[in-house]
Amino acid sequence: MINSQKNFEDVLTVYMTDGRNTWNLMTNKADIIIIGGGAAGLMASAGAAEFLTVHGNGEERDQGNGATRVVVLEKMARPGRKIMITGKGRCNFTNVKQWNEFQEHIHPKPNFLKPSFYNLTSEKMLGFLEDHGMAYVVERGDRAFPESHLASDVVDALVRAAEGAGAEILCGAEVKEILRFAQDDRRETQDAKGEDLEERFEVICGDGRRFECRRLIICTGGLSYPKTGSTGDGYEWARKTGHKIRTLFPSLTAIVPKGYKDVTSAGTMKGHIDRSTPLTEIGKILCGNQLKNVGLTLHIDGNEAAYEFGDLDFTDGGLEGPIGFKISRRCVNAIINGSKAYITLDMKPAVELEDLTVRISTLWNEIMKDKRNAGRQYKDKFRILLTKVLPMSLIPAFIKLNPNADHKTLAKALKTWKMEIEGFVGYERCVVTAGGVSTEDVTAKTLESRLVPGLYFAGEVLDLDADTGGYNLQTAFSTGYLAGQSAAKSLLK
């Protein structure tokens, strides 16, 4: 962990007592260390190394220590593990909307992202990846994908960019502790008033390796998909140095209707239902249905909170798909805070209730007049009616969840199919973590901490998250690139 003031004083005492060489014994040195080799970390390393190559003349490096300029420490065996699973392996890596539209998909404070975005826009990101050997295509909704639709091509391009600029990527380097200390950079011609003590960092890995750096960039990601290495380390390091951590919760995740899963115990947080929880009978007959062009309204404590139009998927997790994900942030946050949530589905959003009522009445009259239906029970005739307005696979679940619906009330039931929300899938399968290091403690124009000089944050560890559609990865790319450039620029002053 980044240690508090007590550790800072202890290390400073060691330095003053034993001297500079004793403290640095067996410590690898770098100008800039980046913790985390994901989207933000790889872009930070590329941005920093490029900047030092173009603007540096070599004299700004640590005097006589032969330091590698930029080093990435990645705990996993390969960098970019989370990128590899993005978009089910297809990797929607950015969205090419202009800022005025792009910002509408950023939460909770899009203005904090603005300097990073303009420094590396979506269009610039396309050019960046193309320059490093990756072709791309832009599809519906302004979403950009690698031309191959292989996420590995994005990772390979980012690694080429970082290493090509001179950064070193060390995998299997799990950081366990970070120390802050002061190094005396005074020249003999300067007086000894202590004004040139520069705060530095020592990074200690689990295997005993130690690294010292002048600038440190934390790009450790969030808590989502922990198997890819996102275990929230950066939050604790930030908290130890006094940075505020805004409430963390899963976003872009499946929300679980009441009765969808066989819930017998509470999850790791209020409302959490693990994805592995078995489906109920209702869940089984709903799972696999994919609805196109439907309306979804989220209600929180009885009040309408959001409306989305588009595609919705019933999965083994719950409600997902584009519009399911879009409402998940508000829904999860509401449940965690003790509010009640439910949704209403509009299966026929293009048709007004009055017109739909007339249409269904006409269909019912046709069914009743059809001689083939003579002698059939009402429930059989009603099922025939349902086949004319719903996908066959959805009818069993619709009947079970709307037991009082008949041909007279069917139109209203189709327009306002209500489902109470019982919970949500947690970090084990959510796309992104909401909350994080408060942006109030970080300078937007550089991404340097306001509390610890020389410390920078980028990517998902920040209190920045976005809707699905390429916005989250672009946020990581932009913040990472600016943090890397800012850290490098500060060394050359």
Protein backbone atom coordinates (compact mmCIF):
# COMPACT_ATOMS: atom_id res chain seq x y z
CA MET A 1 0.00 0.00 0.00
CA ILE A 2 1.11 3.61 -0.40
CA ASN A 3 2.11 4.35 3.15
CA SER A 4 0.98 7.36 5.14
CA GLN A 5 2.99 10.26 6.53
CA LYS A 6 4.55 8.02 9.20
CA ASN A 7 6.15 5.85 6.51
CA PHE A 8 7.20 8.92 4.59
CA GLU A 9 9.05 10.21 7.65
CA ASP A 10 10.59 6.81 8.38
CA VAL A 11 11.95 6.49 4.85
CA LEU A 12 13.19 10.06 4.86
CA THR A 13 15.05 9.32 8.12
CA VAL A 14 16.67 6.27 6.52
CA TYR A 15 17.75 8.40 3.61
CA MET A 16 19.18 11.15 5.81
CA THR A 17 20.95 8.65 8.07
CA ASP A 18 22.27 5.99 5.72
CA GLY A 19 22.70 8.04 2.59
CA ARG A 20 21.39 7.88 -0.91
CA ASN A 21 23.33 4.85 -2.10
CA THR A 22 22.29 2.67 0.84
CA TRP A 23 18.56 3.34 0.25
CA ASN A 24 18.82 2.57 -3.47
CA LEU A 25 20.72 -0.69 -3.01
CA MET A 26 19.30 -3.45 -5.28
CA THR A 27 16.51 -1.18 -6.53
CA ASN A 28 15.72 -0.92 -10.25
CA LYS A 29 15.24 2.66 -11.35
CA ALA A 30 12.96 4.28 -13.87
CA ASP A 31 11.84 7.79 -14.63
CA ILE A 32 8.18 6.77 -14.87
CA ILE A 33 6.50 3.62 -13.58
CA ILE A 34 2.98 2.69 -14.65
CA ILE A 35 1.12 0.14 -12.55
CA GLY A 36 -1.30 -1.80 -14.74
CA GLY A 37 -0.92 -2.93 -18.34
CA GLY A 38 -4.51 -2.51 -19.47
CA ALA A 39 -6.00 0.04 -21.87
CA ALA A 40 -5.03 3.08 -19.78
CA GLY A 41 -1.64 1.71 -18.75
CA LEU A 42 -0.50 0.82 -22.25
CA MET A 43 -1.57 4.21 -23.57
CA ALA A 44 0.13 5.95 -20.65
CA SER A 45 3.38 4.14 -21.44
CA ALA A 46 3.13 5.01 -25.12
CA GLY A 47 2.33 8.65 -24.37
CA ALA A 48 5.15 8.99 -21.85
CA ALA A 49 7.80 7.21 -23.92
CA GLU A 50 6.88 9.09 -27.10
CA PHE A 51 7.03 12.43 -25.31
CA LEU A 52 10.44 11.72 -23.78
CA THR A 53 11.79 10.53 -27.12
CA VAL A 54 10.59 13.60 -29.00
CA HIS A 55 11.23 16.29 -26.39
CA GLY A 56 13.90 14.91 -24.10
CA ASN A 57 17.62 15.19 -24.73
CA GLY A 58 18.72 12.53 -22.25
CA GLU A 59 20.02 14.96 -19.63
CA GLU A 60 16.83 14.84 -17.56
CA ARG A 61 17.29 11.21 -16.54
CA ASP A 62 18.44 10.29 -13.03
CA GLN A 63 22.07 11.26 -12.85
CA GLY A 64 24.33 8.30 -13.57
CA ASN A 65 21.87 5.53 -12.70
CA GLY A 66 21.19 4.21 -16.19
CA ALA A 67 17.42 4.21 -15.58
CA THR A 68 14.95 2.84 -18.07
CA ARG A 69 12.73 5.76 -18.84
CA VAL A 70 9.25 4.17 -18.78
CA VAL A 71 8.31 0.82 -17.19
CA VAL A 72 4.89 -0.88 -17.02
CA LEU A 73 4.31 -3.34 -14.18
CA GLU A 74 1.53 -5.78 -15.04
CA LYS A 75 0.49 -8.51 -12.61
CA MET A 76 -0.92 -10.87 -15.25
CA ALA A 77 1.08 -13.05 -17.63
CA ARG A 78 0.07 -10.84 -20.57
CA PRO A 79 -1.00 -7.20 -20.87
CA GLY A 80 -4.49 -6.17 -21.95
CA ARG A 81 -6.36 -9.17 -20.54
CA LYS A 82 -9.62 -7.27 -20.06
CA ILE A 83 -9.41 -5.79 -23.56
CA MET A 84 -9.28 -9.34 -24.89
CA ILE A 85 -12.80 -10.13 -23.65
CA THR A 86 -14.37 -6.78 -24.58
CA GLY A 87 -17.42 -7.12 -26.80
CA LYS A 88 -17.26 -10.92 -26.57
CA GLY A 89 -13.82 -10.77 -28.15
CA ARG A 90 -14.75 -8.38 -30.98
CA CYS A 91 -13.66 -5.27 -29.05
CA ASN A 92 -15.69 -2.14 -29.70
CA PHE A 93 -12.67 0.00 -28.82
CA THR A 94 -14.08 3.50 -29.33
CA ASN A 95 -17.03 5.56 -30.50
CA VAL A 96 -16.42 8.24 -33.10
CA LYS A 97 -19.06 10.71 -31.93
CA GLN A 98 -17.94 14.29 -31.46
CA TRP A 99 -17.52 15.58 -27.92
CA ASN A 100 -20.97 17.21 -27.65
CA GLU A 101 -22.60 13.81 -28.16
CA PHE A 102 -19.83 11.71 -26.62
CA GLN A 103 -20.04 13.51 -23.28
CA GLU A 104 -23.69 12.54 -22.86
CA HIS A 105 -22.53 8.97 -22.28
CA ILE A 106 -19.97 9.78 -19.54
CA HIS A 107 -20.75 9.62 -15.82
CA PRO A 108 -20.82 11.26 -13.36
CA LYS A 109 -18.90 14.42 -14.43
CA PRO A 110 -18.08 14.43 -18.16
CA ASN A 111 -16.31 17.80 -18.00
CA PHE A 112 -13.45 16.19 -16.10
CA LEU A 113 -12.76 14.03 -19.16
CA LYS A 114 -12.83 16.93 -21.62
CA PRO A 115 -9.09 17.84 -21.55
CA SER A 116 -8.11 14.19 -21.95
CA PHE A 117 -10.58 13.66 -24.79
CA TYR A 118 -9.45 16.69 -26.77
CA ASN A 119 -5.82 15.63 -26.26
CA LEU A 120 -6.67 12.24 -27.77
CA THR A 121 -10.04 12.26 -29.54
CA SER A 122 -11.75 9.18 -30.92
CA GLU A 123 -10.60 10.15 -34.41
CA LYS A 124 -7.00 10.49 -33.20
CA MET A 125 -7.27 7.08 -31.56
CA LEU A 126 -8.29 5.55 -34.88
CA GLY A 127 -5.21 7.09 -36.47
CA PHE A 128 -3.01 5.98 -33.58
CA LEU A 129 -4.00 2.33 -33.96
CA GLU A 130 -3.78 2.51 -37.75
CA ASP A 131 -0.24 3.92 -37.47
CA HIS A 132 0.66 0.86 -35.39
CA GLY A 133 -0.64 -1.68 -37.82
CA MET A 134 -4.33 -2.16 -37.03
CA ALA A 135 -7.07 -1.61 -39.58
CA TYR A 136 -10.55 -0.74 -38.31
CA VAL A 137 -14.19 -0.45 -39.33
CA VAL A 138 -16.93 1.84 -38.03
CA GLU A 139 -20.34 0.22 -37.66
CA ARG A 140 -23.85 1.14 -36.56
CA GLY A 141 -24.00 3.63 -33.70
CA ASP A 142 -20.56 5.11 -34.57
CA ARG A 143 -18.91 2.11 -32.92
CA ALA A 144 -15.38 1.27 -34.08
CA PHE A 145 -14.01 -2.30 -34.21
CA PRO A 146 -10.78 -3.84 -35.46
CA GLU A 147 -11.33 -4.85 -39.07
CA SER A 148 -10.64 -8.45 -38.10
CA HIS A 149 -13.13 -8.24 -35.21
CA LEU A 150 -10.41 -9.74 -33.02
CA ALA A 151 -9.70 -7.98 -29.74
CA SER A 152 -6.16 -9.36 -29.81
CA ASP A 153 -5.37 -6.99 -32.69
CA VAL A 154 -6.12 -4.00 -30.45
CA VAL A 155 -3.84 -5.35 -27.71
CA ASP A 156 -1.07 -6.12 -30.19
CA ALA A 157 -1.22 -2.59 -31.62
CA LEU A 158 -1.08 -1.01 -28.16
CA VAL A 159 1.91 -3.16 -27.18
CA ARG A 160 3.70 -2.29 -30.43
CA ALA A 161 3.08 1.39 -29.76
CA ALA A 162 4.40 1.24 -26.20
CA GLU A 163 7.45 -0.91 -26.88
CA GLY A 164 8.18 0.85 -30.16
CA ALA A 165 8.38 4.15 -28.27
CA GLY A 166 10.85 2.63 -25.82
CA ALA A 167 8.65 1.58 -22.89
CA GLU A 168 9.38 -1.71 -21.13
CA ILE A 169 6.44 -3.96 -20.18
CA LEU A 170 7.12 -6.36 -17.31
CA CYS A 171 4.45 -9.03 -16.84
CA GLY A 172 4.06 -11.18 -13.76
CA ALA A 173 5.01 -8.13 -11.69
CA GLU A 174 2.31 -7.86 -9.02
CA VAL A 175 2.75 -4.72 -6.95
CA LYS A 176 2.24 -5.26 -3.23
CA GLU A 177 3.45 -2.03 -1.68
CA ILE A 178 4.31 1.54 -2.61
CA LEU A 179 6.54 3.77 -0.51
CA ARG A 180 7.04 7.52 -0.79
CA PHE A 181 10.35 9.09 0.05
CA ALA A 182 12.37 12.20 -0.65
CA GLN A 183 15.51 12.29 -2.78
CA ASP A 184 18.01 15.13 -2.63
CA ASP A 185 18.71 16.44 -6.11
CA ARG A 186 20.63 19.55 -5.05
CA ARG A 187 23.76 20.45 -6.94
CA GLU A 188 26.90 21.58 -5.16
CA THR A 189 26.33 25.14 -6.32
CA GLN A 190 22.96 25.30 -4.59
CA ASP A 191 22.54 26.10 -0.95
CA ALA A 192 21.28 23.39 1.38
CA LYS A 193 17.87 24.63 2.45
CA GLY A 194 16.06 21.42 1.55
CA GLU A 195 14.12 23.13 -1.19
CA ASP A 196 15.20 20.57 -3.79
CA LEU A 197 14.00 17.45 -2.03
CA GLU A 198 11.94 15.70 -4.69
CA GLU A 199 9.30 13.22 -3.66
CA ARG A 200 9.83 9.81 -5.21
CA PHE A 201 8.27 6.38 -5.07
CA GLU A 202 9.52 2.90 -4.41
CA VAL A 203 7.37 0.10 -5.76
CA ILE A 204 7.74 -3.35 -4.22
CA CYS A 205 6.50 -6.47 -6.03
CA GLY A 206 5.34 -9.71 -4.51
CA ASP A 207 8.43 -11.55 -5.78
CA GLY A 208 10.73 -9.11 -3.99
CA ARG A 209 11.66 -6.92 -6.95
CA ARG A 210 11.88 -3.23 -6.09
CA PHE A 211 11.57 -0.27 -8.42
CA GLU A 212 12.24 3.39 -7.79
CA CYS A 213 10.74 6.14 -9.93
CA ARG A 214 10.31 9.88 -10.13
CA ARG A 215 6.73 9.72 -11.44
CA LEU A 216 4.11 7.06 -10.74
CA ILE A 217 0.93 6.46 -12.76
CA ILE A 218 -1.78 4.20 -11.31
CA CYS A 219 -3.80 2.46 -14.03
CA THR A 220 -4.99 -0.57 -12.09
CA GLY A 221 -8.57 -0.54 -13.38
CA GLY A 222 -11.62 -1.28 -11.26
CA LEU A 223 -13.16 -4.39 -9.75
CA SER A 224 -14.99 -5.84 -12.74
CA TYR A 225 -13.88 -9.22 -14.11
CA PRO A 226 -11.32 -9.86 -11.32
CA LYS A 227 -9.95 -12.88 -13.21
CA THR A 228 -8.40 -10.42 -15.68
CA GLY A 229 -6.43 -8.80 -12.85
CA SER A 230 -8.86 -6.05 -11.82
CA THR A 231 -8.92 -6.48 -8.06
CA GLY A 232 -9.19 -2.87 -6.89
CA ASP A 233 -5.61 -2.43 -5.66
CA GLY A 234 -5.44 1.16 -6.84
CA TYR A 235 -8.37 2.25 -4.66
CA GLU A 236 -6.59 1.17 -1.50
CA TRP A 237 -3.33 2.82 -2.51
CA ALA A 238 -5.19 6.04 -3.24
CA ARG A 239 -7.14 5.87 0.02
CA LYS A 240 -3.93 5.48 2.04
CA THR A 241 -2.71 8.84 0.77
CA GLY A 242 -5.92 10.67 1.61
CA HIS A 243 -7.70 10.52 -1.74
CA LYS A 244 -11.47 10.22 -1.53
CA ILE A 245 -12.95 7.09 -3.07
CA ARG A 246 -16.45 7.59 -4.38
CA THR A 247 -18.84 4.71 -3.72
CA LEU A 248 -17.98 1.72 -5.89
CA PHE A 249 -20.66 -0.34 -7.58
CA PRO A 250 -21.09 -2.53 -10.70
CA SER A 251 -22.27 -0.87 -13.90
CA LEU A 252 -23.16 -2.19 -17.36
CA THR A 253 -24.32 -5.38 -15.72
CA ALA A 254 -27.28 -7.73 -15.79
CA ILE A 255 -30.25 -6.70 -13.67
CA VAL A 256 -32.28 -9.56 -12.23
CA PRO A 257 -36.10 -9.55 -12.24
CA LYS A 258 -37.87 -10.95 -9.19
CA GLY A 259 -38.35 -14.69 -9.54
CA TYR A 260 -35.75 -15.00 -12.33
CA LYS A 261 -33.12 -16.72 -10.19
CA ASP A 262 -33.31 -19.13 -7.28
CA VAL A 263 -31.98 -16.69 -4.69
CA THR A 264 -31.38 -18.36 -1.33
CA SER A 265 -28.61 -16.20 0.13
CA ALA A 266 -27.33 -12.64 -0.01
CA GLY A 267 -24.42 -11.69 -2.25
CA THR A 268 -21.32 -9.66 -1.42
CA MET A 269 -23.28 -6.38 -1.37
CA LYS A 270 -26.90 -5.35 -1.04
CA GLY A 271 -28.81 -6.57 -4.09
CA HIS A 272 -25.93 -8.65 -5.45
CA ILE A 273 -27.02 -11.93 -7.04
CA ASP A 274 -24.09 -13.97 -8.29
CA ARG A 275 -24.31 -14.87 -11.95
CA SER A 276 -23.83 -18.54 -11.11
CA THR A 277 -27.09 -18.58 -9.10
CA PRO A 278 -29.43 -21.11 -10.79
CA LEU A 279 -32.34 -19.93 -12.91
CA THR A 280 -35.91 -20.56 -11.79
CA GLU A 281 -38.55 -21.99 -14.11
CA ILE A 282 -39.40 -18.44 -15.21
CA GLY A 283 -35.72 -17.66 -15.76
CA LYS A 284 -35.25 -20.75 -17.89
CA ILE A 285 -38.14 -19.98 -20.23
CA LEU A 286 -37.10 -16.32 -20.55
CA CYS A 287 -33.36 -16.97 -20.98
CA GLY A 288 -32.28 -16.82 -24.61
CA ASN A 289 -35.00 -14.46 -25.80
CA GLN A 290 -33.70 -11.43 -27.72
CA LEU A 291 -36.13 -8.56 -28.17
CA LYS A 292 -35.65 -6.04 -30.97
CA ASN A 293 -36.83 -2.43 -30.92
CA VAL A 294 -38.67 -2.45 -27.61
CA GLY A 295 -39.13 0.32 -25.06
CA LEU A 296 -37.92 -0.02 -21.48
CA THR A 297 -38.79 2.35 -18.65
CA LEU A 298 -37.01 2.20 -15.30
CA HIS A 299 -38.98 3.23 -12.22
CA ILE A 300 -37.29 3.99 -8.90
CA ASP A 301 -39.49 4.30 -5.82
CA GLY A 302 -42.47 4.61 -8.14
CA ASN A 303 -41.03 7.46 -10.20
CA GLU A 304 -39.92 7.21 -13.82
CA ALA A 305 -36.11 7.42 -13.81
CA ALA A 306 -35.10 6.51 -17.36
CA TYR A 307 -36.45 5.40 -20.73
CA GLU A 308 -34.52 3.53 -23.41
CA PHE A 309 -35.45 2.19 -26.83
CA GLY A 310 -33.62 -0.63 -28.55
CA ASP A 311 -32.65 -4.26 -28.08
CA LEU A 312 -32.97 -6.27 -24.86
CA ASP A 313 -31.58 -9.73 -24.09
CA PHE A 314 -32.68 -12.25 -21.49
CA THR A 315 -29.54 -14.13 -20.45
CA ASP A 316 -28.36 -16.50 -17.73
CA GLY A 317 -27.57 -13.36 -15.74
CA GLY A 318 -30.84 -11.48 -16.19
CA LEU A 319 -31.73 -8.50 -18.39
CA GLU A 320 -28.83 -7.41 -20.58
CA GLY A 321 -28.33 -6.15 -24.10
CA PRO A 322 -27.88 -2.48 -25.08
CA ILE A 323 -30.89 -1.03 -23.24
CA GLY A 324 -30.55 -3.36 -20.26
CA PHE A 325 -26.99 -2.16 -19.76
CA LYS A 326 -27.96 1.48 -20.21
CA ILE A 327 -30.34 1.47 -17.26
CA SER A 328 -28.19 -0.78 -15.08
CA ARG A 329 -26.11 2.05 -13.58
CA ARG A 330 -29.11 3.87 -12.14
CA CYS A 331 -30.83 0.65 -11.19
CA VAL A 332 -27.86 -0.80 -9.29
CA ASN A 333 -27.14 2.49 -7.52
CA ALA A 334 -30.80 2.73 -6.45
CA ILE A 335 -30.89 -0.81 -5.06
CA ILE A 336 -27.63 -0.36 -3.15
CA ASN A 337 -29.08 2.78 -1.57
CA GLY A 338 -32.23 0.96 -0.44
CA SER A 339 -34.67 2.09 -3.14
CA LYS A 340 -37.19 -0.11 -4.93
CA ALA A 341 -36.86 -0.57 -8.67
CA TYR A 342 -39.04 -2.04 -11.39
CA ILE A 343 -39.18 -1.85 -15.17
CA THR A 344 -42.01 -1.76 -17.67
CA LEU A 345 -41.51 -3.18 -21.16
CA ASP A 346 -43.30 -1.73 -24.14
CA MET A 347 -43.38 -4.54 -26.68
CA LYS A 348 -45.02 -2.29 -29.29
CA PRO A 349 -43.45 1.16 -28.86
CA ALA A 350 -44.28 2.23 -32.41
CA VAL A 351 -48.03 1.78 -31.84
CA GLU A 352 -50.17 3.89 -29.51
CA LEU A 353 -52.26 2.04 -26.92
CA GLU A 354 -55.56 3.02 -28.56
CA ASP A 355 -54.43 1.81 -31.98
CA LEU A 356 -53.02 -1.41 -30.54
CA THR A 357 -56.30 -2.05 -28.72
CA VAL A 358 -58.21 -1.75 -32.01
CA ARG A 359 -55.74 -4.00 -33.83
CA ILE A 360 -55.96 -6.72 -31.17
CA SER A 361 -59.77 -6.50 -31.16
CA THR A 362 -59.75 -7.05 -34.93
CA LEU A 363 -57.43 -10.05 -34.59
CA TRP A 364 -59.61 -11.53 -31.85
CA ASN A 365 -62.73 -11.21 -33.97
CA GLU A 366 -60.98 -13.02 -36.81
CA ILE A 367 -59.96 -15.83 -34.46
CA MET A 368 -63.50 -16.17 -33.13
CA LYS A 369 -64.96 -16.32 -36.66
CA ASP A 370 -62.48 -18.93 -37.83
CA LYS A 371 -64.39 -22.25 -37.98
CA ARG A 372 -61.22 -24.16 -37.15
CA ASN A 373 -61.37 -22.64 -33.66
CA ALA A 374 -64.90 -23.76 -32.95
CA GLY A 375 -65.01 -25.74 -29.76
CA ARG A 376 -61.55 -24.63 -28.60
CA GLN A 377 -61.17 -23.46 -25.02
CA TYR A 378 -60.63 -19.75 -24.35
CA LYS A 379 -57.02 -20.25 -23.26
CA ASP A 380 -56.23 -21.93 -26.59
CA LYS A 381 -57.80 -19.11 -28.58
CA PHE A 382 -55.93 -16.57 -26.45
CA ARG A 383 -52.65 -18.36 -27.15
CA ILE A 384 -53.40 -18.12 -30.89
CA LEU A 385 -53.86 -14.38 -30.40
CA LEU A 386 -50.53 -14.14 -28.63
CA THR A 387 -48.74 -15.81 -31.57
CA LYS A 388 -49.81 -12.86 -33.70
CA VAL A 389 -48.26 -10.22 -31.42
CA LEU A 390 -45.33 -11.95 -29.65
CA PRO A 391 -42.42 -14.25 -30.56
CA MET A 392 -43.39 -17.87 -29.92
CA SER A 393 -40.51 -18.40 -27.49
CA LEU A 394 -41.72 -15.53 -25.29
CA ILE A 395 -45.35 -16.64 -24.93
CA PRO A 396 -44.96 -19.13 -22.04
CA ALA A 397 -43.18 -16.56 -19.88
CA PHE A 398 -45.62 -13.80 -20.83
CA ILE A 399 -48.58 -15.93 -19.75
CA LYS A 400 -46.95 -16.86 -16.43
CA LEU A 401 -46.00 -13.26 -15.63
CA ASN A 402 -49.32 -11.78 -16.82
CA PRO A 403 -51.83 -14.33 -15.48
CA ASN A 404 -54.76 -11.90 -15.56
CA ALA A 405 -54.29 -10.74 -19.14
CA ASP A 406 -57.10 -11.50 -21.60
CA HIS A 407 -57.98 -10.32 -25.10
CA LYS A 408 -59.50 -7.14 -23.70
CA THR A 409 -56.48 -6.14 -21.59
CA LEU A 410 -53.73 -7.57 -23.81
CA ALA A 411 -52.88 -4.24 -25.44
CA LYS A 412 -52.17 -2.62 -22.08
CA ALA A 413 -50.21 -5.68 -20.90
CA LEU A 414 -48.00 -5.49 -24.00
CA LYS A 415 -47.39 -1.78 -23.49
CA THR A 416 -46.68 -2.00 -19.75
CA TRP A 417 -45.24 -5.44 -19.00
CA LYS A 418 -44.03 -4.90 -15.44
CA MET A 419 -41.08 -6.68 -13.83
CA GLU A 420 -39.89 -5.95 -10.31
CA ILE A 421 -36.09 -5.91 -10.03
CA GLU A 422 -34.69 -8.06 -7.26
CA GLY A 423 -30.99 -7.43 -7.73
CA PHE A 424 -28.04 -7.38 -10.11
CA VAL A 425 -24.98 -9.34 -11.18
CA GLY A 426 -21.86 -8.06 -9.43
CA TYR A 427 -18.22 -7.50 -10.27
CA GLU A 428 -17.78 -11.11 -11.39
CA ARG A 429 -19.34 -10.23 -14.76
CA CYS A 430 -20.10 -6.50 -14.92
CA VAL A 431 -18.44 -4.56 -17.73
CA VAL A 432 -17.20 -1.60 -15.69
CA THR A 433 -16.88 -0.31 -12.14
CA ALA A 434 -18.68 2.93 -11.29
CA GLY A 435 -17.18 5.17 -8.62
CA GLY A 436 -13.47 5.42 -7.83
CA VAL A 437 -10.81 8.00 -7.04
CA SER A 438 -12.60 11.32 -6.69
CA THR A 439 -11.95 13.66 -9.59
CA GLU A 440 -11.89 16.49 -7.04
CA ASP A 441 -8.49 15.18 -5.94
CA VAL A 442 -7.04 15.04 -9.46
CA THR A 443 -6.17 17.85 -11.87
CA ALA A 444 -8.16 17.35 -15.08
CA LYS A 445 -5.58 19.01 -17.35
CA THR A 446 -2.74 16.70 -16.27
CA LEU A 447 -4.34 13.88 -14.23
CA GLU A 448 -1.80 14.52 -11.47
CA SER A 449 -2.94 14.12 -7.89
CA ARG A 450 -3.65 17.35 -6.04
CA LEU A 451 -2.46 15.67 -2.85
CA VAL A 452 0.71 13.79 -3.86
CA PRO A 453 3.08 15.48 -6.33
CA GLY A 454 4.30 13.12 -9.03
CA LEU A 455 1.38 10.69 -8.64
CA TYR A 456 -1.09 10.32 -11.53
CA PHE A 457 -4.30 8.35 -12.07
CA ALA A 458 -5.89 7.15 -15.32
CA GLY A 459 -8.59 4.82 -16.54
CA GLU A 460 -11.23 2.94 -14.60
CA VAL A 461 -9.60 3.60 -11.21
CA LEU A 462 -10.95 7.16 -11.54
CA ASP A 463 -14.55 8.08 -10.75
CA LEU A 464 -15.39 7.99 -14.46
CA ASP A 465 -17.50 5.42 -16.24
CA ALA A 466 -19.60 5.37 -19.37
CA ASP A 467 -22.39 3.70 -21.31
CA THR A 468 -21.79 0.71 -23.54
CA GLY A 469 -20.72 1.48 -27.11
CA GLY A 470 -16.95 2.10 -27.01
CA TYR A 471 -17.07 5.01 -24.56
CA ASN A 472 -15.31 3.28 -21.66
CA LEU A 473 -12.27 2.16 -23.63
CA GLN A 474 -11.90 5.60 -25.22
CA THR A 475 -12.04 7.12 -21.74
CA ALA A 476 -9.24 4.78 -20.66
CA PHE A 477 -7.18 5.53 -23.79
CA SER A 478 -7.58 9.30 -23.47
CA THR A 479 -6.86 9.55 -19.74
CA GLY A 480 -3.94 7.13 -19.99
CA TYR A 481 -2.34 9.02 -22.85
CA LEU A 482 -2.67 12.39 -21.12
CA ALA A 483 -1.35 11.06 -17.82
CA GLY A 484 1.69 9.59 -19.57
CA GLN A 485 2.44 12.76 -21.49
CA SER A 486 1.89 14.93 -18.40
CA ALA A 487 4.24 12.83 -16.28
CA ALA A 488 6.91 12.94 -18.99
CA LYS A 489 6.52 16.68 -19.52
CA SER A 490 6.92 17.34 -15.80
CA LEU A 491 10.32 15.63 -15.88
CA LEU A 492 11.61 18.00 -18.54
CA LYS A 493 10.83 21.22 -16.72
